[in-house]
Protein backbone atom coordinates (compact mmCIF):
# COMPACT_ATOMS: atom_id res chain seq x y z
CA MET A 1 185.62 -10.51 -69.78
CA THR A 2 188.27 -8.33 -71.45
CA GLU A 3 191.79 -9.65 -70.90
CA PRO A 4 194.01 -7.26 -68.94
CA THR A 5 196.80 -5.87 -71.10
CA THR A 6 198.92 -4.67 -68.16
CA VAL A 7 200.18 -6.06 -64.87
CA GLN A 8 200.44 -4.00 -61.71
CA LEU A 9 203.98 -3.81 -60.33
CA ARG A 10 204.76 -3.75 -56.61
CA ASN A 11 205.81 -0.08 -56.70
CA GLY A 12 202.60 0.99 -58.47
CA ALA A 13 203.45 1.19 -62.18
CA ALA A 14 201.29 -0.64 -64.71
CA MET A 15 203.49 -2.63 -67.13
CA PRO A 16 202.16 -3.87 -70.49
CA ARG A 17 202.18 -7.66 -70.69
CA LEU A 18 203.49 -7.62 -74.25
CA GLY A 19 206.15 -5.26 -75.57
CA LEU A 20 208.80 -4.90 -78.24
CA GLY A 21 212.33 -6.17 -77.70
CA THR A 22 215.00 -4.29 -79.65
CA TRP A 23 218.20 -6.35 -79.55
CA PRO A 24 220.12 -6.48 -81.93
CA LEU A 25 218.48 -3.61 -83.85
CA LYS A 26 220.69 -0.54 -84.20
CA GLY A 27 220.46 3.08 -85.39
CA ALA A 28 217.88 3.75 -88.08
CA GLY A 29 216.67 0.15 -87.89
CA ALA A 30 215.88 0.52 -84.21
CA GLU A 31 214.21 3.87 -84.86
CA ARG A 32 211.96 2.43 -87.58
CA ALA A 33 211.03 -0.63 -85.55
CA VAL A 34 210.12 1.36 -82.42
CA ALA A 35 208.14 3.99 -84.34
CA THR A 36 206.27 1.31 -86.29
CA ALA A 37 205.53 -0.75 -83.19
CA LEU A 38 204.15 2.23 -81.28
CA GLN A 39 202.00 3.27 -84.22
CA LEU A 40 200.62 -0.29 -84.35
CA GLY A 41 199.62 -0.11 -80.69
CA TYR A 42 202.60 -1.39 -78.70
CA ARG A 43 203.10 0.54 -75.48
CA SER A 44 206.22 -1.13 -74.05
CA ILE A 45 209.76 -0.94 -75.43
CA ASP A 46 212.76 -2.85 -74.05
CA THR A 47 216.36 -1.75 -74.59
CA ALA A 48 219.69 -1.77 -72.72
CA GLU A 49 223.00 -0.01 -72.48
CA ALA A 50 224.64 -3.17 -73.83
CA TYR A 51 222.45 -3.18 -76.96
CA GLY A 52 224.05 0.03 -78.18
CA ASN A 53 220.71 1.23 -79.53
CA GLU A 54 219.23 3.54 -76.88
CA ASP A 55 219.75 6.50 -79.24
CA GLY A 56 217.82 4.73 -82.01
CA VAL A 57 215.10 3.68 -79.59
CA GLY A 58 214.77 7.26 -78.37
CA ALA A 59 214.53 8.52 -81.94
CA GLY A 60 211.77 5.99 -82.58
CA LEU A 61 209.88 7.16 -79.49
CA ARG A 62 209.92 10.71 -80.81
CA ALA A 63 209.12 9.74 -84.41
CA SER A 64 206.12 7.66 -83.39
CA GLY A 65 203.96 10.60 -82.39
CA VAL A 66 202.90 8.70 -79.24
CA ALA A 67 203.09 10.71 -76.02
CA ARG A 68 206.02 9.78 -73.77
CA GLU A 69 203.74 9.17 -70.78
CA ASP A 70 201.87 6.52 -72.78
CA VAL A 71 204.97 4.37 -73.37
CA PHE A 72 206.57 2.04 -70.82
CA VAL A 73 210.33 2.25 -71.42
CA THR A 74 212.71 -0.36 -69.96
CA THR A 75 216.49 -0.18 -70.05
CA LYS A 76 219.35 -2.01 -68.32
CA PHE A 77 222.90 -1.26 -67.19
CA ASP A 78 226.11 -3.30 -67.04
CA LYS A 79 228.48 -4.20 -64.21
CA HIS A 80 230.76 -1.16 -64.49
CA PHE A 81 227.81 0.80 -63.05
CA HIS A 82 227.34 -1.56 -60.07
CA GLY A 83 227.59 0.93 -57.23
CA VAL A 84 225.18 3.10 -55.25
CA ASP A 85 226.34 6.34 -56.90
CA LEU A 86 227.34 4.75 -60.22
CA VAL A 87 223.76 3.72 -60.90
CA ARG A 88 222.73 7.37 -61.06
CA GLU A 89 225.40 7.91 -63.69
CA ALA A 90 224.06 4.92 -65.63
CA PHE A 91 220.57 6.41 -65.48
CA GLU A 92 221.75 9.83 -66.61
CA GLN A 93 223.62 8.40 -69.59
CA SER A 94 220.73 6.14 -70.65
CA ALA A 95 218.17 8.93 -70.21
CA GLU A 96 220.28 11.26 -72.33
CA ARG A 97 220.63 8.70 -75.13
CA LEU A 98 216.90 7.92 -74.98
CA GLY A 99 215.95 11.59 -74.77
CA VAL A 100 213.72 11.06 -71.73
CA ASP A 101 213.42 12.60 -68.27
CA TYR A 102 212.55 9.35 -66.52
CA VAL A 103 212.64 5.60 -67.20
CA ASP A 104 209.67 3.39 -66.39
CA LEU A 105 211.75 0.35 -65.46
CA MET A 106 215.50 0.09 -64.99
CA LEU A 107 217.17 -3.29 -64.61
CA ILE A 108 220.52 -4.60 -63.42
CA HIS A 109 221.35 -6.53 -66.60
CA TRP A 110 223.33 -9.38 -64.98
CA PRO A 111 224.19 -10.11 -61.33
CA ASN A 112 227.90 -10.73 -62.04
CA PRO A 113 228.39 -12.38 -58.62
CA SER A 114 232.17 -12.59 -59.08
CA HIS A 115 232.15 -8.78 -59.27
CA ASP A 116 230.05 -8.85 -56.06
CA LYS A 117 228.49 -5.40 -56.40
CA TYR A 118 224.89 -6.21 -57.32
CA VAL A 119 223.53 -5.35 -53.87
CA GLU A 120 225.05 -1.86 -54.16
CA ALA A 121 223.59 -1.61 -57.67
CA PHE A 122 220.14 -2.42 -56.32
CA GLU A 123 220.53 0.12 -53.53
CA GLY A 124 221.34 2.69 -56.22
CA LEU A 125 218.17 1.75 -58.10
CA LEU A 126 216.10 2.19 -54.95
CA GLY A 127 217.56 5.70 -54.66
CA LEU A 128 216.44 6.50 -58.22
CA LEU A 129 212.97 5.19 -57.34
CA ARG A 130 212.75 7.43 -54.27
CA ASP A 131 213.77 10.42 -56.40
CA GLY A 132 211.13 9.69 -59.05
CA LEU A 133 213.68 9.11 -61.84
CA VAL A 134 212.42 5.56 -62.39
CA ARG A 135 208.91 4.23 -61.83
CA ALA A 136 209.99 0.65 -61.14
CA VAL A 137 213.21 -1.20 -60.34
CA GLY A 138 214.26 -4.60 -61.49
CA THR A 139 216.82 -7.24 -62.22
CA SER A 140 217.67 -9.43 -65.17
CA ASN A 141 219.10 -12.95 -65.06
CA PHE A 142 219.02 -13.09 -61.25
CA LYS A 143 218.62 -16.51 -59.66
CA PRO A 144 216.52 -16.99 -56.50
CA ALA A 145 219.73 -16.95 -54.41
CA HIS A 146 220.69 -13.55 -55.85
CA LEU A 147 217.20 -12.18 -55.21
CA GLU A 148 217.18 -13.52 -51.66
CA ARG A 149 220.44 -11.71 -50.97
CA LEU A 150 218.88 -8.45 -52.20
CA ARG A 151 215.91 -8.95 -49.89
CA GLU A 152 218.11 -9.75 -46.90
CA ALA A 153 220.36 -6.73 -47.53
CA THR A 154 217.74 -4.11 -48.39
CA GLY A 155 214.39 -5.43 -47.20
CA GLU A 156 213.11 -4.90 -50.76
CA ALA A 157 212.47 -7.06 -53.81
CA PRO A 158 212.55 -5.91 -57.43
CA ASP A 159 209.36 -5.19 -59.34
CA VAL A 160 210.49 -7.42 -62.19
CA ASN A 161 213.09 -10.11 -62.89
CA GLN A 162 213.69 -10.61 -66.61
CA ILE A 163 214.99 -14.12 -67.34
CA GLN A 164 215.59 -16.46 -70.26
CA LEU A 165 212.31 -18.33 -70.55
CA SER A 166 210.40 -20.35 -73.16
CA PRO A 167 208.56 -23.69 -73.34
CA LEU A 168 212.02 -25.28 -73.57
CA LEU A 169 213.15 -23.38 -70.44
CA THR A 170 210.18 -22.98 -68.12
CA ARG A 171 212.33 -21.85 -65.15
CA ASP A 172 209.97 -23.28 -62.54
CA PRO A 173 212.19 -22.55 -59.49
CA SER A 174 212.59 -18.90 -60.46
CA ARG A 175 208.92 -18.44 -61.25
CA ALA A 176 207.93 -20.00 -57.91
CA TYR A 177 210.28 -17.66 -56.03
CA HIS A 178 208.98 -14.64 -57.95
CA SER A 179 205.38 -15.56 -57.22
CA ALA A 180 206.10 -15.96 -53.51
CA HIS A 181 207.70 -12.51 -53.29
CA GLY A 182 205.52 -10.37 -55.56
CA ILE A 183 208.04 -10.18 -58.40
CA VAL A 184 206.75 -10.13 -61.98
CA THR A 185 208.48 -12.60 -64.29
CA GLU A 186 209.47 -11.22 -67.68
CA SER A 187 210.68 -13.56 -70.43
CA TRP A 188 213.62 -12.84 -72.69
CA SER A 189 214.16 -15.02 -75.78
CA PRO A 190 210.46 -15.95 -75.47
CA LEU A 191 210.54 -17.76 -78.82
CA GLY A 192 213.66 -19.73 -77.98
CA GLY A 193 216.44 -17.40 -79.12
CA SER A 194 218.94 -18.12 -81.85
CA GLY A 195 217.42 -20.43 -84.45
CA THR A 196 214.03 -20.21 -82.65
CA GLU A 197 214.30 -23.94 -81.94
CA VAL A 198 211.02 -24.07 -80.06
CA LEU A 199 209.08 -22.94 -83.16
CA HIS A 200 210.11 -26.13 -84.94
CA GLU A 201 208.79 -28.46 -82.23
CA GLN A 202 206.12 -30.76 -83.65
CA LEU A 203 203.80 -29.97 -80.73
CA VAL A 204 204.04 -26.24 -81.43
CA ARG A 205 203.32 -26.79 -85.12
CA SER A 206 200.33 -29.02 -84.39
CA LEU A 207 198.89 -26.49 -81.95
CA ALA A 208 199.37 -23.74 -84.53
CA GLU A 209 197.19 -25.78 -86.90
CA LYS A 210 194.63 -26.46 -84.15
CA TYR A 211 194.20 -22.79 -83.29
CA GLY A 212 194.69 -21.36 -86.77
CA ARG A 213 197.67 -19.34 -85.56
CA THR A 214 201.38 -19.15 -86.31
CA PRO A 215 203.84 -21.16 -84.18
CA ALA A 216 205.17 -17.89 -82.74
CA GLN A 217 201.67 -16.81 -81.73
CA VAL A 218 201.11 -20.12 -79.92
CA VAL A 219 204.37 -19.77 -77.99
CA LEU A 220 203.75 -16.13 -77.08
CA ARG A 221 200.24 -17.03 -75.95
CA TRP A 222 201.76 -19.70 -73.68
CA HIS A 223 203.77 -16.96 -71.93
CA LEU A 224 200.63 -14.91 -71.34
CA GLU A 225 198.65 -17.92 -70.10
CA LEU A 226 201.33 -18.38 -67.42
CA GLY A 227 200.97 -14.75 -66.34
CA LEU A 228 204.34 -13.72 -67.74
CA VAL A 229 205.38 -10.44 -69.35
CA THR A 230 207.36 -10.71 -72.57
CA VAL A 231 209.06 -8.55 -75.20
CA PRO A 232 209.60 -10.43 -78.48
CA LYS A 233 211.98 -8.68 -80.87
CA SER A 234 210.94 -7.97 -84.43
CA GLY A 235 211.83 -5.39 -87.04
CA ASN A 236 209.16 -6.80 -89.38
CA GLU A 237 205.81 -5.00 -89.37
CA GLN A 238 203.77 -8.10 -90.21
CA ARG A 239 205.32 -10.10 -87.38
CA MET A 240 204.78 -7.15 -85.02
CA ARG A 241 201.08 -7.26 -85.94
CA GLU A 242 200.94 -11.02 -85.45
CA ASN A 243 202.61 -10.76 -82.06
CA LEU A 244 200.05 -8.19 -80.88
CA GLU A 245 197.23 -10.52 -81.94
CA VAL A 246 198.12 -13.01 -79.19
CA LEU A 247 195.98 -10.87 -76.90
CA GLY A 248 192.98 -12.05 -78.94
CA PHE A 249 192.82 -15.81 -78.22
CA SER A 250 193.60 -18.35 -75.50
CA LEU A 251 195.06 -21.84 -75.17
CA GLU A 252 193.30 -24.73 -73.46
CA PRO A 253 194.89 -25.65 -70.10
CA ASP A 254 195.96 -29.08 -71.37
CA ASP A 255 197.80 -27.45 -74.26
CA VAL A 256 199.58 -25.03 -71.90
CA ALA A 257 200.67 -28.01 -69.81
CA ALA A 258 201.85 -29.94 -72.88
CA LEU A 259 203.98 -26.99 -73.98
CA SER A 260 205.46 -26.68 -70.48
CA ALA A 261 206.39 -30.36 -70.62
CA LEU A 262 208.93 -29.51 -73.35
CA ASP A 263 211.17 -28.05 -70.61
CA LYS A 264 214.83 -29.09 -70.82
CA GLY A 265 215.62 -28.04 -67.25
CA GLU A 266 217.68 -25.30 -65.63
CA GLY A 267 220.91 -26.66 -67.07
CA ALA A 268 219.87 -25.52 -70.54
CA ALA A 269 219.74 -21.83 -69.50
CA VAL A 270 222.64 -19.37 -69.62
CA ASP A 271 224.31 -19.63 -66.20
CA SER A 272 224.29 -16.15 -64.68
CA ASP A 273 226.76 -17.25 -62.02
CA ALA A 274 229.28 -17.74 -64.82
CA PHE A 275 228.23 -15.25 -67.53
CA GLY A 276 227.49 -11.54 -67.38
CA HIS A 277 228.55 -8.08 -68.52
């Protein structure tokens, strides 16, 4: 059976399971990476207001020669746009920088609970959804308690919650909450982030030898085996190709479980009650 390359979101959009992350690429570098990725076959691009590269990402979309409707574009906005009407302004500014008429998925980048405006931000996103300016609405770095507050206040849950997640941070409580409420889990820093610590784990290296793959391919395949969506960043064409190839093999269940057992617990993740922008 052919492996599905997309996941159906609660509001109807089909989101590719593997995309290209773009932080911290900027300007011409972002343009080249996005154009190259799309020409290689990627169909999902992740950016954000905070990355300062939406203009470069938009240039790459246009330079790729791939039709806009064939690319799933995600962007995010920061806390100064947390407000029902402010979200529309965030959309308009991002859309202008990207050079697009609509965004496939727009995320609240951080909950910033001390700012206490994320419910209003989500209400603003739901307004964009009703108006057809976004095809899906989501959150990033929201804990189950934040998501539950959204549900209680609006009666709605996001399509996607993008969280820090890797074999060293399996985020079991968040993933269980997402599964119970029809929210797709998307992993950021899927390879472990700065220093890519997880790629140096002996287990990862031994599994790479077993499967004849790179350590990064083994880790990315783990994300897919768990039903996650992910957007590894790369500006290197060869690594982009290698990342796409994870759709072409599978890991044995025992190996998936062994990788998950590397988890360091919730305390190792960035605390979104304390950090945000």
